[in-house]
């Protein structure tokens, strides 16, 4: 199977999101990202982070890092 995308402009768009302390029982955050090409989702992730972050800034850095690794 293959994916075929048409059109003259193939633009990949990526979005990241996090919810600090989204899982209150374990004090962990929920992170996620999605990449869209020509209106179609080509990659996505939503998961409970493995580590406990003490600040919302650290959670944002963790989710941005995960998104950048996927983009590369």
Protein backbone atom coordinates (compact mmCIF):
# COMPACT_ATOMS: atom_id res chain seq x y z
CA UNK A 1 0.00 0.00 0.00
CA UNK A 2 1.11 3.54 -0.66
CA UNK A 3 -0.17 7.03 0.07
CA UNK A 4 -0.49 9.32 -2.94
CA UNK A 5 -0.90 13.06 -2.47
CA UNK A 6 -1.63 15.42 -5.31
CA UNK A 7 -1.44 19.12 -5.79
CA UNK A 8 1.31 21.60 -6.45
CA UNK A 9 1.92 22.56 -2.81
CA UNK A 10 2.81 19.78 -0.42
CA UNK A 11 3.02 21.43 2.99
CA UNK A 12 3.59 19.49 6.19
CA UNK A 13 2.08 21.09 9.26
CA UNK A 14 2.84 19.96 12.78
CA UNK A 15 1.04 20.68 16.02
CA UNK A 16 2.04 19.79 19.58
CA UNK A 17 0.04 19.90 22.79
CA UNK A 18 0.44 19.00 26.43
CA UNK A 19 -1.66 18.90 29.54
CA UNK A 20 0.33 19.48 32.70
CA UNK A 21 -0.55 16.91 35.33
CA UNK A 22 -3.20 15.49 33.11
CA UNK A 23 -3.16 12.19 34.95
CA UNK A 24 -3.62 13.19 38.60
CA UNK A 25 -3.16 9.73 40.14
CA UNK A 26 0.44 9.49 38.94
CA UNK A 27 1.21 13.25 38.61
CA UNK A 28 2.26 12.81 34.98
CA UNK A 29 1.46 14.85 31.92
CA UNK A 30 -0.31 13.89 28.72
CA UNK A 31 1.55 14.94 25.59
CA UNK A 32 0.64 14.71 21.93
CA UNK A 33 1.45 15.81 18.41
CA UNK A 34 -0.04 15.52 14.94
CA UNK A 35 1.47 16.05 11.49
CA UNK A 36 -0.77 16.86 8.53
CA UNK A 37 0.12 16.70 4.82
CA UNK A 38 -2.35 18.04 2.27
CA UNK A 39 -5.18 17.84 4.80
CA UNK A 40 -4.46 14.22 5.77
CA UNK A 41 -2.97 13.07 9.08
CA UNK A 42 0.28 11.24 8.41
CA UNK A 43 1.62 10.87 11.96
CA UNK A 44 0.21 11.37 15.46
CA UNK A 45 0.88 10.51 19.09
CA UNK A 46 -0.96 10.92 22.37
CA UNK A 47 0.56 9.37 25.46
CA UNK A 48 1.18 9.62 29.16
CA UNK A 49 4.72 10.92 29.72
CA UNK A 50 7.19 8.55 31.40
CA UNK A 51 8.63 11.20 33.73
CA UNK A 52 7.15 13.61 36.24
CA UNK A 53 7.62 17.29 35.31
CA UNK A 54 7.57 19.88 38.05
CA UNK A 55 6.73 22.87 35.86
CA UNK A 56 4.51 23.47 32.83
CA UNK A 57 7.54 24.90 30.99
CA UNK A 58 9.34 21.57 31.22
CA UNK A 59 6.29 19.74 29.89
CA UNK A 60 6.17 22.11 26.91
CA UNK A 61 9.86 21.49 26.19
CA UNK A 62 9.36 17.72 26.38
CA UNK A 63 6.44 17.72 23.93
CA UNK A 64 8.23 20.08 21.51
CA UNK A 65 11.28 17.79 21.62
CA UNK A 66 9.11 14.73 20.85
CA UNK A 67 7.43 16.58 17.97
CA UNK A 68 10.77 17.72 16.51
CA UNK A 69 12.19 14.20 16.69
CA UNK A 70 9.17 12.90 14.78
CA UNK A 71 9.44 15.70 12.19
CA UNK A 72 13.08 14.83 11.49
